Amino acid sequence: MKKAVYFSLALILFGLASAENAFACSCVASPDPAETQIRAAFSNSEAIFSGKVVEIKESPADPTRMIVRIKLAHSWKGSAKREIFISTAKESSMCGYLFQVGQKYLVYANQNKNDLWVQNCSRTAVFSDKGDANYLSKLKRR
C-alpha cells in the first residue's frame, strides 16, 4: 500500500517537473518579406493609424477588456477622427496588446460592429519612422 502511494506521488511530481509553460495566445511569425506582411495587414485591417495614447481604462461593459484612447497623428486607412477609441484584452495571454500612456503607436485595428479592437498578433507596435509607415504611405497612394 505504501509503495503505491509513494509511486503515485513520484509520478505526480515527475509530471509537474516535466510540464512546459502553456500560453493561451501565441502568434505565428510569418516567413514572408515585410512588404508582403504589411500589404496583407493593410488589406485585413479596418483602420491603420498612428497616434499617442492619452488614456487607458477598464471597459465598463467587460472587465476583461481595456479601452484605449488615442490622439490621432496620421491615418492610412479608416477613421480620420482626432481621437480614436480602441479595445483590447486586458492580458497579453488573452491576446491583448499592452499599450502605455504617453507612448506613440502604429495601430492596425479590426472592427466588430462599431468598435475597433487590437490584438497582440497584429502588426501594432511602438511607432518608428523606419518601420511600416513608409511602406503604408506607398500603399495608400496606389
N, C-alpha and C. Protein backbone atom coordinates (compact mmCIF):
# COMPACT_ATOMS: atom_id res chain seq x y z
N MET A 1 0.82 -1.19 0.00
CA MET A 1 0.00 0.00 0.00
C MET A 1 0.87 1.26 0.00
N LYS A 2 1.89 1.27 0.87
CA LYS A 2 2.78 2.43 0.93
C LYS A 2 3.51 2.61 -0.40
N LYS A 3 3.89 1.48 -1.02
CA LYS A 3 4.59 1.57 -2.30
C LYS A 3 3.71 2.24 -3.35
N ALA A 4 2.43 1.92 -3.35
CA ALA A 4 1.50 2.50 -4.32
C ALA A 4 1.38 4.02 -4.10
N VAL A 5 1.33 4.45 -2.84
CA VAL A 5 1.23 5.88 -2.53
C VAL A 5 2.50 6.60 -2.96
N TYR A 6 3.65 6.05 -2.61
CA TYR A 6 4.93 6.67 -2.99
C TYR A 6 5.09 6.70 -4.51
N PHE A 7 4.70 5.65 -5.16
CA PHE A 7 4.79 5.58 -6.61
C PHE A 7 3.88 6.65 -7.23
N SER A 8 2.66 6.80 -6.71
CA SER A 8 1.73 7.81 -7.22
C SER A 8 2.27 9.22 -7.00
N LEU A 9 2.83 9.49 -5.82
CA LEU A 9 3.41 10.80 -5.54
C LEU A 9 4.60 11.07 -6.46
N ALA A 10 5.44 10.08 -6.66
CA ALA A 10 6.60 10.24 -7.54
C ALA A 10 6.15 10.53 -8.97
N LEU A 11 5.10 9.85 -9.40
CA LEU A 11 4.57 10.05 -10.74
C LEU A 11 4.01 11.47 -10.90
N ILE A 12 3.30 11.95 -9.89
CA ILE A 12 2.74 13.30 -9.92
C ILE A 12 3.86 14.33 -9.95
N LEU A 13 4.87 14.18 -9.09
CA LEU A 13 5.99 15.11 -9.06
C LEU A 13 6.75 15.11 -10.38
N PHE A 14 6.95 13.96 -10.95
CA PHE A 14 7.62 13.86 -12.24
C PHE A 14 6.81 14.58 -13.32
N GLY A 15 5.52 14.40 -13.30
CA GLY A 15 4.65 15.06 -14.26
C GLY A 15 4.70 16.57 -14.14
N LEU A 16 4.68 17.06 -12.90
CA LEU A 16 4.75 18.51 -12.67
C LEU A 16 6.11 19.08 -13.07
N ALA A 17 7.16 18.36 -12.77
CA ALA A 17 8.52 18.83 -13.08
C ALA A 17 8.77 18.88 -14.58
N SER A 18 8.14 18.01 -15.32
CA SER A 18 8.40 17.97 -16.76
C SER A 18 7.39 18.78 -17.57
N ALA A 19 6.43 19.40 -16.91
CA ALA A 19 5.42 20.19 -17.62
C ALA A 19 6.04 21.45 -18.21
N GLU A 20 5.62 21.82 -19.40
CA GLU A 20 6.08 23.05 -20.04
C GLU A 20 5.04 24.15 -19.81
N ASN A 21 5.51 25.39 -19.93
CA ASN A 21 4.58 26.51 -19.83
C ASN A 21 3.63 26.50 -21.02
N ALA A 22 2.39 26.81 -20.78
CA ALA A 22 1.41 26.90 -21.85
C ALA A 22 0.88 28.32 -21.90
N PHE A 23 0.74 28.86 -23.09
CA PHE A 23 0.25 30.20 -23.26
C PHE A 23 -1.04 30.14 -24.07
N ALA A 24 -2.02 30.91 -23.63
CA ALA A 24 -3.32 30.89 -24.29
C ALA A 24 -3.27 31.59 -25.65
N CYS A 25 -2.38 32.54 -25.81
CA CYS A 25 -2.29 33.28 -27.06
C CYS A 25 -0.89 33.15 -27.61
N SER A 26 -0.77 32.65 -28.81
CA SER A 26 0.54 32.59 -29.43
C SER A 26 0.41 33.05 -30.88
N CYS A 27 1.40 33.76 -31.35
CA CYS A 27 1.40 34.32 -32.69
C CYS A 27 2.44 33.59 -33.52
N VAL A 28 2.07 33.25 -34.73
CA VAL A 28 2.98 32.56 -35.63
C VAL A 28 3.70 33.61 -36.47
N ALA A 29 5.03 33.59 -36.44
CA ALA A 29 5.81 34.53 -37.24
C ALA A 29 5.75 34.12 -38.71
N SER A 30 5.53 35.10 -39.55
CA SER A 30 5.43 34.84 -40.99
C SER A 30 6.81 34.83 -41.62
N PRO A 31 7.08 33.90 -42.52
CA PRO A 31 8.37 33.88 -43.22
C PRO A 31 8.39 34.85 -44.41
N ASP A 32 7.23 35.48 -44.70
CA ASP A 32 7.14 36.38 -45.84
C ASP A 32 7.94 37.66 -45.60
N PRO A 33 8.39 38.32 -46.69
CA PRO A 33 9.08 39.61 -46.54
C PRO A 33 8.16 40.64 -45.89
N ALA A 34 8.76 41.64 -45.26
CA ALA A 34 7.99 42.66 -44.54
C ALA A 34 6.95 43.33 -45.43
N GLU A 35 7.31 43.65 -46.67
CA GLU A 35 6.36 44.32 -47.57
C GLU A 35 5.13 43.46 -47.81
N THR A 36 5.30 42.17 -47.95
CA THR A 36 4.18 41.25 -48.15
C THR A 36 3.30 41.22 -46.90
N GLN A 37 3.93 41.18 -45.74
CA GLN A 37 3.18 41.17 -44.48
C GLN A 37 2.39 42.47 -44.30
N ILE A 38 3.02 43.60 -44.63
CA ILE A 38 2.36 44.90 -44.48
C ILE A 38 1.18 45.01 -45.44
N ARG A 39 1.37 44.56 -46.69
CA ARG A 39 0.30 44.59 -47.68
C ARG A 39 -0.89 43.74 -47.20
N ALA A 40 -0.61 42.55 -46.64
CA ALA A 40 -1.68 41.69 -46.13
C ALA A 40 -2.38 42.35 -44.94
N ALA A 41 -1.61 42.94 -44.04
CA ALA A 41 -2.19 43.61 -42.88
C ALA A 41 -3.03 44.81 -43.31
N PHE A 42 -2.59 45.52 -44.35
CA PHE A 42 -3.35 46.65 -44.88
C PHE A 42 -4.70 46.18 -45.39
N SER A 43 -4.70 45.07 -46.11
CA SER A 43 -5.95 44.53 -46.66
C SER A 43 -6.89 44.01 -45.57
N ASN A 44 -6.32 43.42 -44.53
CA ASN A 44 -7.11 42.75 -43.49
C ASN A 44 -7.51 43.65 -42.32
N SER A 45 -7.03 44.88 -42.29
CA SER A 45 -7.35 45.78 -41.18
C SER A 45 -8.43 46.77 -41.58
N GLU A 46 -9.27 47.10 -40.63
CA GLU A 46 -10.33 48.08 -40.87
C GLU A 46 -9.78 49.51 -40.76
N ALA A 47 -8.81 49.70 -39.87
CA ALA A 47 -8.21 51.02 -39.67
C ALA A 47 -6.73 50.85 -39.37
N ILE A 48 -5.93 51.77 -39.94
CA ILE A 48 -4.50 51.80 -39.67
C ILE A 48 -4.13 53.25 -39.42
N PHE A 49 -3.52 53.52 -38.28
CA PHE A 49 -3.22 54.90 -37.92
C PHE A 49 -2.08 54.94 -36.92
N SER A 50 -1.50 56.13 -36.75
CA SER A 50 -0.52 56.34 -35.69
C SER A 50 -1.08 57.38 -34.75
N GLY A 51 -0.65 57.30 -33.50
CA GLY A 51 -1.12 58.27 -32.53
C GLY A 51 -0.56 57.99 -31.15
N LYS A 52 -0.78 58.94 -30.28
CA LYS A 52 -0.27 58.87 -28.91
C LYS A 52 -1.39 58.45 -27.96
N VAL A 53 -1.10 57.47 -27.11
CA VAL A 53 -2.07 57.01 -26.12
C VAL A 53 -2.21 58.06 -25.03
N VAL A 54 -3.45 58.52 -24.82
CA VAL A 54 -3.70 59.53 -23.80
C VAL A 54 -4.44 58.99 -22.58
N GLU A 55 -5.08 57.82 -22.73
CA GLU A 55 -5.81 57.25 -21.59
C GLU A 55 -6.06 55.76 -21.83
N ILE A 56 -5.96 55.00 -20.74
CA ILE A 56 -6.30 53.57 -20.77
C ILE A 56 -7.18 53.30 -19.56
N LYS A 57 -8.34 52.68 -19.80
CA LYS A 57 -9.20 52.35 -18.67
C LYS A 57 -9.91 51.03 -18.93
N GLU A 58 -10.36 50.41 -17.87
CA GLU A 58 -11.10 49.15 -17.97
C GLU A 58 -12.45 49.40 -18.62
N SER A 59 -12.84 48.50 -19.49
CA SER A 59 -14.15 48.62 -20.15
C SER A 59 -15.26 48.45 -19.12
N PRO A 60 -16.23 49.38 -19.08
CA PRO A 60 -17.34 49.21 -18.13
C PRO A 60 -18.24 48.03 -18.51
N ALA A 61 -18.25 47.66 -19.78
CA ALA A 61 -19.10 46.57 -20.24
C ALA A 61 -18.46 45.20 -20.08
N ASP A 62 -17.12 45.15 -20.02
CA ASP A 62 -16.41 43.88 -19.95
C ASP A 62 -15.09 44.05 -19.20
N PRO A 63 -15.01 43.59 -17.95
CA PRO A 63 -13.81 43.80 -17.14
C PRO A 63 -12.57 43.06 -17.65
N THR A 64 -12.71 42.22 -18.67
CA THR A 64 -11.54 41.54 -19.25
C THR A 64 -10.94 42.35 -20.40
N ARG A 65 -11.54 43.51 -20.71
CA ARG A 65 -11.06 44.34 -21.83
C ARG A 65 -10.68 45.74 -21.34
N MET A 66 -9.77 46.34 -22.08
CA MET A 66 -9.34 47.71 -21.80
C MET A 66 -9.77 48.60 -22.97
N ILE A 67 -10.11 49.84 -22.66
CA ILE A 67 -10.43 50.85 -23.67
C ILE A 67 -9.25 51.81 -23.72
N VAL A 68 -8.71 52.00 -24.91
CA VAL A 68 -7.53 52.85 -25.10
C VAL A 68 -7.94 54.06 -25.95
N ARG A 69 -7.68 55.26 -25.42
CA ARG A 69 -7.98 56.49 -26.16
C ARG A 69 -6.68 57.00 -26.76
N ILE A 70 -6.71 57.20 -28.08
CA ILE A 70 -5.50 57.59 -28.81
C ILE A 70 -5.76 58.90 -29.55
N LYS A 71 -4.83 59.85 -29.40
CA LYS A 71 -4.89 61.10 -30.15
C LYS A 71 -4.24 60.83 -31.49
N LEU A 72 -5.02 60.94 -32.56
CA LEU A 72 -4.57 60.59 -33.91
C LEU A 72 -3.48 61.52 -34.41
N ALA A 73 -2.41 60.94 -34.97
CA ALA A 73 -1.35 61.71 -35.61
C ALA A 73 -1.47 61.60 -37.13
N HIS A 74 -1.70 60.37 -37.62
CA HIS A 74 -1.81 60.12 -39.06
C HIS A 74 -2.67 58.89 -39.30
N SER A 75 -3.48 58.95 -40.36
CA SER A 75 -4.32 57.81 -40.71
C SER A 75 -3.99 57.33 -42.13
N TRP A 76 -3.76 56.04 -42.28
CA TRP A 76 -3.53 55.44 -43.59
C TRP A 76 -4.79 54.77 -44.11
N LYS A 77 -5.65 54.36 -43.20
CA LYS A 77 -6.87 53.66 -43.60
C LYS A 77 -7.90 53.82 -42.48
N GLY A 78 -9.15 54.07 -42.87
CA GLY A 78 -10.21 54.16 -41.87
C GLY A 78 -10.42 55.57 -41.37
N SER A 79 -10.84 55.66 -40.13
CA SER A 79 -11.26 56.90 -39.49
C SER A 79 -10.18 57.97 -39.48
N ALA A 80 -10.63 59.23 -39.65
CA ALA A 80 -9.72 60.37 -39.56
C ALA A 80 -10.12 61.27 -38.40
N LYS A 81 -10.82 60.71 -37.41
CA LYS A 81 -11.20 61.48 -36.23
C LYS A 81 -9.96 61.91 -35.47
N ARG A 82 -10.07 62.96 -34.69
CA ARG A 82 -8.91 63.43 -33.92
C ARG A 82 -8.56 62.49 -32.77
N GLU A 83 -9.58 61.83 -32.22
CA GLU A 83 -9.36 60.84 -31.17
C GLU A 83 -10.05 59.55 -31.55
N ILE A 84 -9.36 58.46 -31.29
CA ILE A 84 -9.90 57.14 -31.61
C ILE A 84 -9.89 56.29 -30.36
N PHE A 85 -10.96 55.55 -30.16
CA PHE A 85 -11.06 54.61 -29.05
C PHE A 85 -10.96 53.19 -29.61
N ILE A 86 -10.08 52.41 -29.03
CA ILE A 86 -9.95 51.01 -29.42
C ILE A 86 -10.01 50.15 -28.17
N SER A 87 -10.37 48.89 -28.35
CA SER A 87 -10.37 47.98 -27.20
C SER A 87 -9.37 46.87 -27.45
N THR A 88 -8.92 46.29 -26.36
CA THR A 88 -8.01 45.15 -26.42
C THR A 88 -8.19 44.34 -25.14
N ALA A 89 -7.84 43.08 -25.20
CA ALA A 89 -7.94 42.25 -24.00
C ALA A 89 -7.00 42.81 -22.93
N LYS A 90 -7.37 42.62 -21.68
CA LYS A 90 -6.62 43.16 -20.55
C LYS A 90 -5.25 42.50 -20.40
N GLU A 91 -5.17 41.24 -20.74
CA GLU A 91 -3.94 40.46 -20.55
C GLU A 91 -3.34 40.05 -21.89
N SER A 92 -2.01 40.03 -21.97
CA SER A 92 -1.37 39.58 -23.21
C SER A 92 -1.62 38.09 -23.44
N SER A 93 -1.83 37.33 -22.37
CA SER A 93 -2.12 35.91 -22.52
C SER A 93 -3.49 35.68 -23.17
N MET A 94 -4.31 36.73 -23.20
CA MET A 94 -5.62 36.67 -23.86
C MET A 94 -5.55 37.43 -25.19
N CYS A 95 -4.35 37.60 -25.71
CA CYS A 95 -4.07 38.30 -26.98
C CYS A 95 -4.24 39.82 -26.89
N GLY A 96 -4.22 40.36 -25.69
CA GLY A 96 -4.32 41.81 -25.55
C GLY A 96 -3.00 42.49 -25.84
N TYR A 97 -3.06 43.66 -26.47
CA TYR A 97 -1.85 44.45 -26.70
C TYR A 97 -1.70 45.39 -25.51
N LEU A 98 -0.54 45.42 -24.90
CA LEU A 98 -0.32 46.21 -23.69
C LEU A 98 0.21 47.60 -24.04
N PHE A 99 -0.71 48.55 -24.20
CA PHE A 99 -0.37 49.93 -24.51
C PHE A 99 0.13 50.64 -23.26
N GLN A 100 0.88 51.76 -23.46
CA GLN A 100 1.33 52.59 -22.35
C GLN A 100 0.95 54.04 -22.63
N VAL A 101 0.40 54.71 -21.63
CA VAL A 101 0.03 56.12 -21.77
C VAL A 101 1.28 56.93 -22.09
N GLY A 102 1.15 57.85 -23.05
CA GLY A 102 2.25 58.73 -23.43
C GLY A 102 3.08 58.20 -24.58
N GLN A 103 2.92 56.95 -24.92
CA GLN A 103 3.69 56.32 -26.00
C GLN A 103 2.96 56.48 -27.33
N LYS A 104 3.72 56.65 -28.42
CA LYS A 104 3.14 56.75 -29.76
C LYS A 104 3.20 55.37 -30.43
N TYR A 105 2.09 54.97 -31.07
CA TYR A 105 1.97 53.64 -31.68
C TYR A 105 1.53 53.73 -33.13
N LEU A 106 1.87 52.72 -33.88
CA LEU A 106 1.28 52.46 -35.18
C LEU A 106 0.30 51.33 -34.93
N VAL A 107 -0.98 51.57 -35.21
CA VAL A 107 -2.04 50.64 -34.84
C VAL A 107 -2.71 50.05 -36.07
N TYR A 108 -2.80 48.74 -36.09
CA TYR A 108 -3.58 48.01 -37.09
C TYR A 108 -4.81 47.48 -36.35
N ALA A 109 -5.98 48.05 -36.64
CA ALA A 109 -7.19 47.69 -35.89
C ALA A 109 -8.21 46.99 -36.78
N ASN A 110 -8.97 46.11 -36.16
CA ASN A 110 -10.10 45.45 -36.82
C ASN A 110 -11.38 45.99 -36.21
N GLN A 111 -12.50 45.65 -36.82
CA GLN A 111 -13.77 46.17 -36.34
C GLN A 111 -14.75 45.06 -36.05
N ASN A 112 -15.45 45.21 -34.92
CA ASN A 112 -16.53 44.32 -34.52
C ASN A 112 -17.73 45.22 -34.26
N LYS A 113 -18.71 45.16 -35.14
CA LYS A 113 -19.86 46.10 -35.11
C LYS A 113 -19.32 47.51 -35.24
N ASN A 114 -19.47 48.35 -34.23
CA ASN A 114 -18.96 49.73 -34.30
C ASN A 114 -17.65 49.92 -33.55
N ASP A 115 -17.12 48.87 -32.94
CA ASP A 115 -15.94 49.01 -32.10
C ASP A 115 -14.67 48.55 -32.82
N LEU A 116 -13.61 49.37 -32.70
CA LEU A 116 -12.30 48.97 -33.19
C LEU A 116 -11.59 48.20 -32.09
N TRP A 117 -10.88 47.15 -32.46
CA TRP A 117 -10.15 46.37 -31.48
C TRP A 117 -8.79 45.97 -32.04
N VAL A 118 -7.87 45.68 -31.13
CA VAL A 118 -6.50 45.33 -31.47
C VAL A 118 -6.11 44.09 -30.68
N GLN A 119 -5.29 43.25 -31.29
CA GLN A 119 -4.73 42.11 -30.57
C GLN A 119 -3.20 42.14 -30.72
N ASN A 120 -2.51 41.41 -29.88
CA ASN A 120 -1.06 41.46 -29.91
C ASN A 120 -0.45 40.70 -31.09
N CYS A 121 -1.23 39.96 -31.84
CA CYS A 121 -0.70 39.27 -33.02
C CYS A 121 -0.78 40.14 -34.28
N SER A 122 -1.33 41.34 -34.17
CA SER A 122 -1.37 42.25 -35.31
C SER A 122 0.00 42.90 -35.45
N ARG A 123 0.16 43.76 -36.44
CA ARG A 123 1.42 44.48 -36.62
C ARG A 123 1.49 45.74 -35.75
N THR A 124 0.52 45.94 -34.87
CA THR A 124 0.53 47.09 -33.96
C THR A 124 1.85 47.09 -33.19
N ALA A 125 2.48 48.28 -33.14
CA ALA A 125 3.79 48.38 -32.48
C ALA A 125 4.06 49.83 -32.10
N VAL A 126 5.07 50.02 -31.26
CA VAL A 126 5.54 51.37 -30.96
C VAL A 126 5.95 52.00 -32.29
N PHE A 127 5.56 53.26 -32.49
CA PHE A 127 5.79 53.93 -33.77
C PHE A 127 7.27 54.16 -34.01
N SER A 128 7.68 53.94 -35.26
CA SER A 128 9.03 54.22 -35.71
C SER A 128 8.96 54.74 -37.14
N ASP A 129 9.69 55.83 -37.41
CA ASP A 129 9.73 56.37 -38.77
C ASP A 129 10.34 55.36 -39.74
N LYS A 130 11.13 54.45 -39.23
CA LYS A 130 11.81 53.46 -40.08
C LYS A 130 11.00 52.17 -40.20
N GLY A 131 9.85 52.11 -39.56
CA GLY A 131 9.03 50.91 -39.58
C GLY A 131 8.10 50.85 -40.77
N ASP A 132 6.87 50.43 -40.52
CA ASP A 132 5.87 50.21 -41.56
C ASP A 132 5.38 51.51 -42.22
N ALA A 133 5.55 52.65 -41.56
CA ALA A 133 4.94 53.90 -42.01
C ALA A 133 5.30 54.26 -43.45
N ASN A 134 6.56 54.11 -43.84
CA ASN A 134 6.96 54.46 -45.21
C ASN A 134 6.25 53.60 -46.23
N TYR A 135 6.18 52.32 -45.99
CA TYR A 135 5.54 51.42 -46.94
C TYR A 135 4.02 51.64 -46.97
N LEU A 136 3.43 51.94 -45.82
CA LEU A 136 1.99 52.23 -45.77
C LEU A 136 1.65 53.45 -46.62
N SER A 137 2.51 54.47 -46.60
CA SER A 137 2.27 55.66 -47.42
C SER A 137 2.28 55.31 -48.90
N LYS A 138 3.16 54.41 -49.30
CA LYS A 138 3.20 53.95 -50.70
C LYS A 138 1.92 53.18 -51.05
N LEU A 139 1.46 52.34 -50.15
CA LEU A 139 0.23 51.58 -50.39
C LEU A 139 -0.97 52.50 -50.53
N LYS A 140 -1.02 53.51 -49.70
CA LYS A 140 -2.17 54.42 -49.69
C LYS A 140 -2.26 55.19 -51.01
N ARG A 141 -1.10 55.50 -51.62
CA ARG A 141 -1.10 56.26 -52.87
C ARG A 141 -1.59 55.43 -54.05
N ARG A 142 -1.52 54.10 -53.96
CA ARG A 142 -1.92 53.22 -55.08
C ARG A 142 -3.40 53.24 -55.32
